[in-house]
Amino acid sequence: MEKTVQYLETHSQNPYYNLAFEEYVLTHRTEGDYLLLWQNDNTVVVGRNQNTAEEINADFVEAHHIRVVRRGTGGGAVYHDLGNLNYSFITDVGDDGISIRRFTEPVVAALRGLGLNAEASGRNDILVEGRKVSGTAQRRHGGRILHHGTLLFDSDPSMASGALNVDPAK
């Protein structure tokens, strides 16, 4: 028997609200499977363990009125605008623990269903035509897991590169 996934939208582009909504679902909806789709406008989201001062170009961020918010998962800093779509899976940990592959496979399959040459790569990335279109992160809360990521489809690369201090190797 297939599980029913409950779909939720925040109807907001505010990163503070969206991340709080995601956290609320993780910590208060303790049964069932959830898929959240959401967008933040003009925002840098910093990973749980990152040094914000090292990750962002503070002068650029201030000059462009970019909001900076910290998320509860690890991973690198990312730039969000209305040219990317954020997704969150919230479910029970399950037998495979916190396997990232469990969550990247359906996203890769959906992208392939759209005719794109998508693949999971590395520890937590999704590539299309060899280019990174999604980074993912996750965390466990009790017997539940939150796995979320971004999907770049029309993001402004000049804003992302200006706002973030990205390792040149990436």
C-alpha atoms as a PDB file:
ATOM      1  CA  MET A   1       0.000   0.000   0.000  1.00  0.00           C
ATOM      2  CA  GLU A   2       1.364   3.424  -0.955  1.00  0.00           C
ATOM      3  CA  LYS A   3       1.643   6.144   1.627  1.00  0.00           C
ATOM      4  CA  THR A   4      -0.233   9.377   1.224  1.00  0.00           C
ATOM      5  CA  VAL A   5       1.988  12.446   1.192  1.00  0.00           C
ATOM      6  CA  GLN A   6       0.422  15.634   2.488  1.00  0.00           C
ATOM      7  CA  TYR A   7       1.350  18.679   0.428  1.00  0.00           C
ATOM      8  CA  LEU A   8       1.721  22.032   2.173  1.00  0.00           C
ATOM      9  CA  GLU A   9       2.536  25.501   0.867  1.00  0.00           C
ATOM     10  CA  THR A  10       3.515  28.489   2.981  1.00  0.00           C
ATOM     11  CA  HIS A  11       2.078  31.091   0.590  1.00  0.00           C
ATOM     12  CA  SER A  12       4.936  33.330   1.710  1.00  0.00           C
ATOM     13  CA  GLN A  13       8.213  34.602   0.279  1.00  0.00           C
ATOM     14  CA  ASN A  14       9.477  35.612   3.708  1.00  0.00           C
ATOM     15  CA  PRO A  15      12.428  33.415   4.758  1.00  0.00           C
ATOM     16  CA  TYR A  16      11.819  33.861   8.482  1.00  0.00           C
ATOM     17  CA  TYR A  17       8.239  32.656   8.143  1.00  0.00           C
ATOM     18  CA  ASN A  18       9.105  29.841   5.722  1.00  0.00           C
ATOM     19  CA  LEU A  19      11.848  28.355   7.882  1.00  0.00           C
ATOM     20  CA  ALA A  20       9.665  28.688  11.000  1.00  0.00           C
ATOM     21  CA  PHE A  21       6.805  26.950   9.150  1.00  0.00           C
ATOM     22  CA  GLU A  22       9.120  24.109   8.160  1.00  0.00           C
ATOM     23  CA  GLU A  23      10.390  23.794  11.750  1.00  0.00           C
ATOM     24  CA  TYR A  24       6.839  23.756  13.090  1.00  0.00           C
ATOM     25  CA  VAL A  25       5.815  20.941  10.760  1.00  0.00           C
ATOM     26  CA  LEU A  26       8.912  18.944  11.752  1.00  0.00           C
ATOM     27  CA  THR A  27       8.373  19.350  15.485  1.00  0.00           C
ATOM     28  CA  HIS A  28       4.553  19.317  15.707  1.00  0.00           C
ATOM     29  CA  ARG A  29       3.334  17.053  12.916  1.00  0.00           C
ATOM     30  CA  THR A  30       4.728  13.865  14.380  1.00  0.00           C
ATOM     31  CA  GLU A  31       2.928  11.436  12.088  1.00  0.00           C
ATOM     32  CA  GLY A  32       2.608  11.237   8.341  1.00  0.00           C
ATOM     33  CA  ASP A  33       4.652  12.280   5.340  1.00  0.00           C
ATOM     34  CA  TYR A  34       4.834  15.895   4.193  1.00  0.00           C
ATOM     35  CA  LEU A  35       6.096  17.709   1.127  1.00  0.00           C
ATOM     36  CA  LEU A  36       6.483  21.481   1.395  1.00  0.00           C
ATOM     37  CA  LEU A  37       7.218  23.744  -1.562  1.00  0.00           C
ATOM     38  CA  TRP A  38       8.242  27.333  -0.868  1.00  0.00           C
ATOM     39  CA  GLN A  39      10.192  30.306  -2.165  1.00  0.00           C
ATOM     40  CA  ASN A  40      12.220  33.014  -0.482  1.00  0.00           C
ATOM     41  CA  ASP A  41      12.884  36.311  -2.178  1.00  0.00           C
ATOM     42  CA  ASN A  42      16.325  37.965  -2.029  1.00  0.00           C
ATOM     43  CA  THR A  43      17.753  35.924   0.835  1.00  0.00           C
ATOM     44  CA  VAL A  44      20.943  34.197   1.926  1.00  0.00           C
ATOM     45  CA  VAL A  45      20.299  31.100   4.020  1.00  0.00           C
ATOM     46  CA  VAL A  46      23.270  30.050   6.149  1.00  0.00           C
ATOM     47  CA  GLY A  47      23.789  26.510   7.432  1.00  0.00           C
ATOM     48  CA  ARG A  48      23.507  25.678  11.117  1.00  0.00           C
ATOM     49  CA  ASN A  49      27.243  25.434  11.789  1.00  0.00           C
ATOM     50  CA  GLN A  50      28.572  28.106   9.458  1.00  0.00           C
ATOM     51  CA  ASN A  51      30.341  31.337  10.334  1.00  0.00           C
ATOM     52  CA  THR A  52      28.112  33.925   8.666  1.00  0.00           C
ATOM     53  CA  ALA A  53      30.907  36.507   8.447  1.00  0.00           C
ATOM     54  CA  GLU A  54      32.978  34.080   6.358  1.00  0.00           C
ATOM     55  CA  GLU A  55      30.109  32.933   4.144  1.00  0.00           C
ATOM     56  CA  ILE A  56      28.630  36.229   2.965  1.00  0.00           C
ATOM     57  CA  ASN A  57      29.867  39.429   1.349  1.00  0.00           C
ATOM     58  CA  ALA A  58      28.408  41.759   3.979  1.00  0.00           C
ATOM     59  CA  ASP A  59      28.815  44.944   1.904  1.00  0.00           C
ATOM     60  CA  PHE A  60      27.026  43.407  -1.090  1.00  0.00           C
ATOM     61  CA  VAL A  61      24.289  41.931   1.102  1.00  0.00           C
ATOM     62  CA  GLU A  62      23.650  45.277   2.772  1.00  0.00           C
ATOM     63  CA  ALA A  63      23.740  47.261  -0.472  1.00  0.00           C
ATOM     64  CA  HIS A  64      21.192  44.925  -2.096  1.00  0.00           C
ATOM     65  CA  HIS A  65      18.921  44.608   0.970  1.00  0.00           C
ATOM     66  CA  ILE A  66      19.387  40.846   1.088  1.00  0.00           C
ATOM     67  CA  ARG A  67      17.958  39.135   4.150  1.00  0.00           C
ATOM     68  CA  VAL A  68      20.228  36.698   5.982  1.00  0.00           C
ATOM     69  CA  VAL A  69      18.711  33.826   7.942  1.00  0.00           C
ATOM     70  CA  ARG A  70      20.122  30.694   9.566  1.00  0.00           C
ATOM     71  CA  ARG A  71      18.508  27.303   9.032  1.00  0.00           C
ATOM     72  CA  GLY A  72      18.486  24.361  11.410  1.00  0.00           C
ATOM     73  CA  THR A  73      20.336  22.010   9.039  1.00  0.00           C
ATOM     74  CA  GLY A  74      23.980  21.851   8.052  1.00  0.00           C
ATOM     75  CA  GLY A  75      25.407  22.413   4.624  1.00  0.00           C
ATOM     76  CA  GLY A  76      26.611  25.500   2.826  1.00  0.00           C
ATOM     77  CA  ALA A  77      25.188  28.970   2.458  1.00  0.00           C
ATOM     78  CA  VAL A  78      22.794  29.454  -0.458  1.00  0.00           C
ATOM     79  CA  TYR A  79      21.196  32.408  -2.190  1.00  0.00           C
ATOM     80  CA  HIS A  80      17.424  32.282  -2.722  1.00  0.00           C
ATOM     81  CA  ASP A  81      15.339  34.395  -5.044  1.00  0.00           C
ATOM     82  CA  LEU A  82      12.135  33.777  -6.943  1.00  0.00           C
ATOM     83  CA  GLY A  83      14.160  31.902  -9.555  1.00  0.00           C
ATOM     84  CA  ASN A  84      14.520  28.905  -7.305  1.00  0.00           C
ATOM     85  CA  LEU A  85      12.072  26.564  -5.654  1.00  0.00           C
ATOM     86  CA  ASN A  86      12.705  25.110  -2.216  1.00  0.00           C
ATOM     87  CA  TYR A  87      11.351  21.742  -1.206  1.00  0.00           C
ATOM     88  CA  SER A  88      11.150  19.960   2.132  1.00  0.00           C
ATOM     89  CA  PHE A  89      10.379  16.338   2.894  1.00  0.00           C
ATOM     90  CA  ILE A  90       9.342  15.612   6.478  1.00  0.00           C
ATOM     91  CA  THR A  91       8.739  11.999   7.430  1.00  0.00           C
ATOM     92  CA  ASP A  92       9.705   9.189   9.791  1.00  0.00           C
ATOM     93  CA  VAL A  93      13.383   8.296   9.863  1.00  0.00           C
ATOM     94  CA  GLY A  94      12.683   4.769   8.573  1.00  0.00           C
ATOM     95  CA  ASP A  95      14.847   1.688   8.206  1.00  0.00           C
ATOM     96  CA  ASP A  96      17.487   3.393   6.059  1.00  0.00           C
ATOM     97  CA  GLY A  97      18.132   6.027   8.734  1.00  0.00           C
ATOM     98  CA  ILE A  98      18.863   9.428   7.290  1.00  0.00           C
ATOM     99  CA  SER A  99      19.960   8.345   3.825  1.00  0.00           C
ATOM    100  CA  ILE A 100      20.155  11.383   1.541  1.00  0.00           C
ATOM    101  CA  ARG A 101      19.622   9.148  -1.480  1.00  0.00           C
ATOM    102  CA  ARG A 102      16.131   8.291  -0.230  1.00  0.00           C
ATOM    103  CA  PHE A 103      15.164  11.933  -0.847  1.00  0.00           C
ATOM    104  CA  THR A 104      17.257  12.860  -3.881  1.00  0.00           C
ATOM    105  CA  GLU A 105      15.979   9.944  -5.998  1.00  0.00           C
ATOM    106  CA  PRO A 106      12.383  11.246  -6.289  1.00  0.00           C
ATOM    107  CA  VAL A 107      13.646  14.733  -7.199  1.00  0.00           C
ATOM    108  CA  VAL A 108      15.980  13.308  -9.847  1.00  0.00           C
ATOM    109  CA  ALA A 109      13.113  11.179 -11.191  1.00  0.00           C
ATOM    110  CA  ALA A 110      10.817  14.236 -11.375  1.00  0.00           C
ATOM    111  CA  LEU A 111      13.472  16.225 -13.264  1.00  0.00           C
ATOM    112  CA  ARG A 112      14.016  13.327 -15.659  1.00  0.00           C
ATOM    113  CA  GLY A 113      10.245  13.201 -16.139  1.00  0.00           C
ATOM    114  CA  LEU A 114      10.517  16.788 -17.382  1.00  0.00           C
ATOM    115  CA  GLY A 115      13.055  15.630 -19.972  1.00  0.00           C
ATOM    116  CA  LEU A 116      16.152  16.821 -18.113  1.00  0.00           C
ATOM    117  CA  ASN A 117      19.368  14.832 -17.827  1.00  0.00           C
ATOM    118  CA  ALA A 118      19.422  14.813 -14.009  1.00  0.00           C
ATOM    119  CA  GLU A 119      21.547  12.797 -11.616  1.00  0.00           C
ATOM    120  CA  ALA A 120      22.462  12.676  -7.942  1.00  0.00           C
ATOM    121  CA  SER A 121      26.101  13.529  -7.369  1.00  0.00           C
ATOM    122  CA  GLY A 122      28.498  13.646  -4.487  1.00  0.00           C
ATOM    123  CA  ARG A 123      27.159  13.619  -0.992  1.00  0.00           C
ATOM    124  CA  ASN A 124      24.114  15.852  -1.409  1.00  0.00           C
ATOM    125  CA  ASP A 125      23.914  17.494  -4.843  1.00  0.00           C
ATOM    126  CA  ILE A 126      21.673  17.102  -7.875  1.00  0.00           C
ATOM    127  CA  LEU A 127      23.079  17.912 -11.301  1.00  0.00           C
ATOM    128  CA  VAL A 128      21.465  18.600 -14.662  1.00  0.00           C
ATOM    129  CA  GLU A 129      23.772  18.366 -17.674  1.00  0.00           C
ATOM    130  CA  GLY A 130      26.685  18.236 -15.223  1.00  0.00           C
ATOM    131  CA  ARG A 131      25.745  21.506 -13.486  1.00  0.00           C
ATOM    132  CA  LYS A 132      24.593  21.745  -9.885  1.00  0.00           C
ATOM    133  CA  VAL A 133      20.913  22.693  -9.637  1.00  0.00           C
ATOM    134  CA  SER A 134      20.239  21.508  -6.111  1.00  0.00           C
ATOM    135  CA  GLY A 135      22.044  21.235  -2.820  1.00  0.00           C
ATOM    136  CA  THR A 136      20.389  19.457   0.051  1.00  0.00           C
ATOM    137  CA  ALA A 137      20.646  19.268   3.823  1.00  0.00           C
ATOM    138  CA  GLN A 138      18.847  17.425   6.555  1.00  0.00           C
ATOM    139  CA  ARG A 139      18.464  16.886  10.248  1.00  0.00           C
ATOM    140  CA  ARG A 140      16.805  14.496  12.582  1.00  0.00           C
ATOM    141  CA  HIS A 141      14.347  15.422  15.321  1.00  0.00           C
ATOM    142  CA  GLY A 142      13.399  12.435  17.428  1.00  0.00           C
ATOM    143  CA  GLY A 143      12.087   9.769  15.076  1.00  0.00           C
ATOM    144  CA  ARG A 144      11.423  12.323  12.307  1.00  0.00           C
ATOM    145  CA  ILE A 145      13.623  13.679   9.559  1.00  0.00           C
ATOM    146  CA  LEU A 146      13.635  16.937   7.655  1.00  0.00           C
ATOM    147  CA  HIS A 147      15.323  16.843   4.265  1.00  0.00           C
ATOM    148  CA  HIS A 148      15.262  20.026   2.206  1.00  0.00           C
ATOM    149  CA  GLY A 149      16.894  21.462  -0.851  1.00  0.00           C
ATOM    150  CA  THR A 150      16.820  24.089  -3.517  1.00  0.00           C
ATOM    151  CA  LEU A 151      16.060  23.756  -7.208  1.00  0.00           C
ATOM    152  CA  LEU A 152      17.638  26.463  -9.334  1.00  0.00           C
ATOM    153  CA  PHE A 153      15.676  27.136 -12.480  1.00  0.00           C
ATOM    154  CA  ASP A 154      16.028  30.871 -13.181  1.00  0.00           C
ATOM    155  CA  SER A 155      17.987  32.364 -10.288  1.00  0.00           C
ATOM    156  CA  ASP A 156      20.129  35.487 -10.791  1.00  0.00           C
ATOM    157  CA  PRO A 157      23.738  34.217 -10.803  1.00  0.00           C
ATOM    158  CA  SER A 158      25.189  37.708 -10.298  1.00  0.00           C
ATOM    159  CA  MET A 159      23.244  38.106  -7.055  1.00  0.00           C
ATOM    160  CA  ALA A 160      24.299  34.672  -5.816  1.00  0.00           C
ATOM    161  CA  SER A 161      27.965  35.208  -6.637  1.00  0.00           C
ATOM    162  CA  GLY A 162      27.907  38.731  -5.194  1.00  0.00           C
ATOM    163  CA  ALA A 163      26.215  37.754  -1.931  1.00  0.00           C
ATOM    164  CA  LEU A 164      28.211  34.615  -1.178  1.00  0.00           C
ATOM    165  CA  ASN A 165      31.899  34.051  -0.566  1.00  0.00           C
ATOM    166  CA  VAL A 166      32.052  30.818  -2.554  1.00  0.00           C
ATOM    167  CA  ASP A 167      35.060  28.523  -2.553  1.00  0.00           C
ATOM    168  CA  PRO A 168      36.538  28.934  -6.082  1.00  0.00           C
ATOM    169  CA  ALA A 169      36.833  25.133  -6.360  1.00  0.00           C
ATOM    170  CA  LYS A 170      33.008  24.897  -6.265  1.00  0.00           C
END
